C-alpha cells in the first residue's frame, strides 16, 4: 500500500503520516527533511556564485540515514529549504531518493508537498492536509518553544506565510491538491481527532 500525504508546513501532515505508518506497519519518509537538509547545508551561502552547484552536490550526496528532525525543524531551515527547492536539479536528485524509498516491499507512506501530484501519482490513497496559517503558526511556535528555542508567534506566522508563498510560486514544484486527493482541514481538530479522520479516509478508500 502506498499512501501520499501532502500539505503546508505545520498542518499536521507529518504527525498524521507517522501515526498512519505505525498503524499499518509501513515505512515512512518525511520528504520535507530532504529539502531541509540541503537547505541547512547551504544556509549563509545564498549570494555565493556557486550556490546552485553547492545545493545540487548536497542533494546528490544526501544520506537519508543521517537526517536529524530536531535540527532540521527550525523555521529558518524551512525558508532555506524553499529556496533550494526552486532549483530543478535539486528536485530531480531528491525525487530519485523518494521514488527509491517507495519501492519498499510492503509499501510506504511519504509526506511532503508534491507526493500525490508528482512523486507518487499512483498512490492507493492521497491525503491533502491543511489548516489556516494562524493555527499552523501557533502549533509551530508551541513546538519550538518546548524545545527551548527563542521564537515568537508573530515571527513564525510571517515565516509560514512566506514559505506558503514560496511553495505556491515555485516554478519547479507541484504544490497543489491532486484531483483524487482527500482534503482534511485540521484547523479545529486535536492530534487524535485528525489522525482518526485520516485513518477513516484511508480505510474507506482501501475497502
Protein backbone atom coordinates (compact mmCIF):
# COMPACT_ATOMS: atom_id res chain seq x y z
CA UNK A 1 0.00 0.00 0.00
CA UNK A 2 1.28 3.42 -0.98
CA UNK A 3 -0.06 6.49 0.82
CA UNK A 4 0.75 10.07 -0.21
CA UNK A 5 0.30 12.82 2.37
CA UNK A 6 0.73 16.44 1.27
CA UNK A 7 0.14 19.83 2.81
CA UNK A 8 1.75 23.06 4.02
CA UNK A 9 4.11 23.45 6.98
CA UNK A 10 2.65 22.71 10.44
CA UNK A 11 -0.64 21.45 9.03
CA UNK A 12 -0.22 18.19 10.91
CA UNK A 13 0.68 16.09 7.87
CA UNK A 14 3.91 14.76 9.41
CA UNK A 15 2.24 13.63 12.62
CA UNK A 16 -0.62 12.05 10.71
CA UNK A 17 1.76 10.27 8.34
CA UNK A 18 3.81 8.88 11.24
CA UNK A 19 0.69 7.64 13.02
CA UNK A 20 -0.66 6.02 9.85
CA UNK A 21 2.72 4.37 9.21
CA UNK A 22 2.76 2.91 12.72
CA UNK A 23 -0.85 1.76 12.43
CA UNK A 24 -0.36 -0.04 9.11
CA UNK A 25 3.23 -1.14 9.72
CA UNK A 26 4.58 0.81 6.75
CA UNK A 27 7.89 2.58 6.21
CA UNK A 28 7.61 6.38 6.46
CA UNK A 29 9.60 9.20 4.88
CA UNK A 30 9.20 12.89 5.69
CA UNK A 31 10.37 14.20 2.34
CA UNK A 32 10.49 17.76 3.62
CA UNK A 33 13.51 16.77 5.71
CA UNK A 34 15.40 16.06 2.49
CA UNK A 35 14.95 19.64 1.31
CA UNK A 36 15.63 20.96 4.79
CA UNK A 37 18.89 19.01 4.95
CA UNK A 38 20.03 20.52 1.65
CA UNK A 39 18.85 23.94 2.81
CA UNK A 40 20.83 23.63 6.04
CA UNK A 41 23.99 22.70 4.14
CA UNK A 42 23.68 25.84 2.02
CA UNK A 43 22.50 28.38 4.60
CA UNK A 44 24.54 31.58 4.51
CA UNK A 45 25.80 30.82 1.00
CA UNK A 46 22.86 32.25 -0.93
CA UNK A 47 24.96 35.01 -2.54
CA UNK A 48 27.82 32.69 -3.47
CA UNK A 49 28.41 32.41 -7.21
CA UNK A 50 28.33 28.61 -6.94
CA UNK A 51 25.25 28.44 -4.72
CA UNK A 52 23.20 26.28 -7.10
CA UNK A 53 26.09 23.89 -7.71
CA UNK A 54 26.65 23.51 -3.96
CA UNK A 55 22.95 22.80 -3.43
CA UNK A 56 22.91 20.21 -6.22
CA UNK A 57 26.02 18.49 -4.82
CA UNK A 58 24.43 18.44 -1.36
CA UNK A 59 21.25 16.86 -2.76
CA UNK A 60 23.11 14.22 -4.76
CA UNK A 61 25.25 13.24 -1.77
CA UNK A 62 22.47 13.23 0.82
CA UNK A 63 22.38 10.30 3.22
CA UNK A 64 18.81 9.79 4.44
CA UNK A 65 20.03 7.83 7.47
CA UNK A 66 21.62 10.97 8.94
CA UNK A 67 18.54 13.20 8.95
CA UNK A 68 18.02 14.85 12.35
CA UNK A 69 14.43 16.03 12.60
CA UNK A 70 15.04 18.25 15.63
CA UNK A 71 17.94 20.09 13.99
CA UNK A 72 16.07 20.44 10.70
CA UNK A 73 12.73 21.66 12.09
CA UNK A 74 13.52 25.34 12.68
CA UNK A 75 11.66 28.00 10.69
CA UNK A 76 14.93 29.37 9.30
CA UNK A 77 15.83 25.99 7.84
CA UNK A 78 12.34 25.83 6.37
CA UNK A 79 12.94 29.08 4.49
CA UNK A 80 16.28 27.73 3.27
CA UNK A 81 14.52 24.56 2.13
CA UNK A 82 12.04 26.50 0.00
CA UNK A 83 14.99 28.33 -1.59
CA UNK A 84 16.86 25.20 -2.69
CA UNK A 85 13.57 23.55 -3.72
CA UNK A 86 13.38 26.05 -6.58
CA UNK A 87 16.47 24.52 -8.21
CA UNK A 88 15.29 21.89 -10.74
CA UNK A 89 18.40 19.71 -10.42
CA UNK A 90 18.00 19.60 -6.63
CA UNK A 91 14.42 18.44 -7.06
CA UNK A 92 15.47 15.80 -9.59
CA UNK A 93 18.09 14.37 -7.21
CA UNK A 94 15.70 14.30 -4.25
CA UNK A 95 12.87 12.93 -6.38
CA UNK A 96 15.06 9.93 -7.19
CA UNK A 97 15.61 9.32 -3.47
CA UNK A 98 11.88 9.50 -2.81
CA UNK A 99 10.95 7.14 -5.63
CA UNK A 100 13.56 4.66 -4.46
CA UNK A 101 12.02 4.79 -0.96
CA UNK A 102 8.61 3.97 -2.46
CA UNK A 103 9.93 0.60 -3.57
CA UNK A 104 9.58 -0.89 -0.07
CA UNK A 105 8.24 -4.48 -0.46
CA UNK A 106 5.26 -3.86 1.83
CA UNK A 107 4.58 -0.30 0.69
CA UNK A 108 5.29 3.09 2.20
CA UNK A 109 3.92 6.42 3.37
CA UNK A 110 5.55 9.60 2.12
CA UNK A 111 4.61 13.07 3.25
CA UNK A 112 5.60 16.33 1.63
CA UNK A 113 4.30 18.89 -0.83
CA UNK A 114 4.19 17.13 -4.19
CA UNK A 115 3.88 13.44 -3.31
CA UNK A 116 0.39 12.89 -4.69
CA UNK A 117 0.79 15.38 -7.53
CA UNK A 118 4.23 14.35 -8.81
CA UNK A 119 6.28 11.81 -6.83
CA UNK A 120 3.65 9.12 -6.31
CA UNK A 121 0.63 9.84 -8.52
CA UNK A 122 -0.16 6.12 -8.44
CA UNK A 123 -0.65 6.13 -4.64
CA UNK A 124 -3.50 3.99 -3.35
CA UNK A 125 -4.63 6.86 -1.13
CA UNK A 126 -3.79 10.56 -1.32
CA UNK A 127 -4.39 12.95 1.55
CA UNK A 128 -4.02 16.73 1.42
CA UNK A 129 -3.77 18.05 4.98
CA UNK A 130 -4.30 21.74 5.59
CA UNK A 131 -5.03 24.28 8.34
CA UNK A 132 -5.26 28.04 8.45
CA UNK A 133 -1.96 29.97 8.80
CA UNK A 134 -2.76 31.23 12.30
CA UNK A 135 -3.35 27.74 13.65
CA UNK A 136 -0.23 26.43 11.98
CA UNK A 137 1.86 29.31 13.38
CA UNK A 138 0.54 28.66 16.88
CA UNK A 139 1.36 24.94 16.62
CA UNK A 140 4.86 25.54 15.31
CA UNK A 141 5.55 28.24 17.94
CA UNK A 142 4.49 25.91 20.76
CA UNK A 143 6.57 23.10 19.28
CA UNK A 144 9.71 25.22 19.07
CA UNK A 145 9.23 26.79 22.50
CA UNK A 146 9.06 23.33 24.08
CA UNK A 147 12.46 22.68 22.53
CA UNK A 148 13.86 25.73 24.27
CA UNK A 149 14.12 27.90 21.16
CA UNK A 150 13.57 31.66 21.43
CA UNK A 151 10.76 32.29 18.96
CA UNK A 152 7.64 34.46 18.78
CA UNK A 153 4.26 33.75 17.25
CA UNK A 154 4.41 36.83 15.01
CA UNK A 155 7.78 35.84 13.57
CA UNK A 156 6.67 32.27 12.96
CA UNK A 157 3.45 33.45 11.28
CA UNK A 158 5.44 35.66 8.90
CA UNK A 159 7.81 32.78 8.11
CA UNK A 160 4.93 30.39 7.45
CA UNK A 161 3.20 32.88 5.16
CA UNK A 162 6.48 33.40 3.27
CA UNK A 163 7.01 29.65 2.99
CA UNK A 164 3.48 29.22 1.65
CA UNK A 165 4.06 31.93 -0.96
CA UNK A 166 7.41 30.45 -2.00
CA UNK A 167 5.89 26.98 -2.33
CA UNK A 168 2.91 28.18 -4.37
CA UNK A 169 5.07 30.23 -6.73
CA UNK A 170 7.87 27.67 -7.09
CA UNK A 171 8.13 27.06 -10.86
CA UNK A 172 9.87 23.72 -10.22
CA UNK A 173 7.29 22.49 -7.74
CA UNK A 174 3.88 20.84 -7.88
CA UNK A 175 2.35 22.03 -4.63
CA UNK A 176 -1.37 21.60 -5.12
CA UNK A 177 -4.09 19.19 -4.11
CA UNK A 178 -4.20 16.33 -6.61
CA UNK A 179 -7.60 15.84 -8.23
CA UNK A 180 -8.08 12.50 -6.47
CA UNK A 181 -6.69 13.57 -3.08
CA UNK A 182 -8.87 13.71 0.03
CA UNK A 183 -8.85 17.13 1.71
CA UNK A 184 -8.58 17.20 5.51
CA UNK A 185 -8.63 20.54 7.35
CA UNK A 186 -7.13 20.12 10.83
CA UNK A 187 -7.60 23.74 11.99
CA UNK A 188 -10.13 22.77 14.65
CA UNK A 189 -9.01 19.18 15.27
CA UNK A 190 -6.85 17.74 18.02
CA UNK A 191 -3.97 15.47 17.05
CA UNK A 192 -6.02 12.39 17.89
CA UNK A 193 -9.11 13.63 16.05
CA UNK A 194 -7.03 14.48 12.97
CA UNK A 195 -5.44 11.03 12.98
CA UNK A 196 -8.78 9.27 13.35
CA UNK A 197 -10.21 11.33 10.49
CA UNK A 198 -7.25 10.45 8.27
CA UNK A 199 -7.44 6.78 9.26
CA UNK A 200 -11.11 6.73 8.34
CA UNK A 201 -10.33 8.16 4.92
CA UNK A 202 -7.65 5.55 4.26
CA UNK A 203 -9.81 2.65 5.43
CA UNK A 204 -12.76 3.75 3.32
CA UNK A 205 -10.56 4.32 0.27
CA UNK A 206 -8.92 0.90 0.52
CA UNK A 207 -12.01 -1.03 1.47
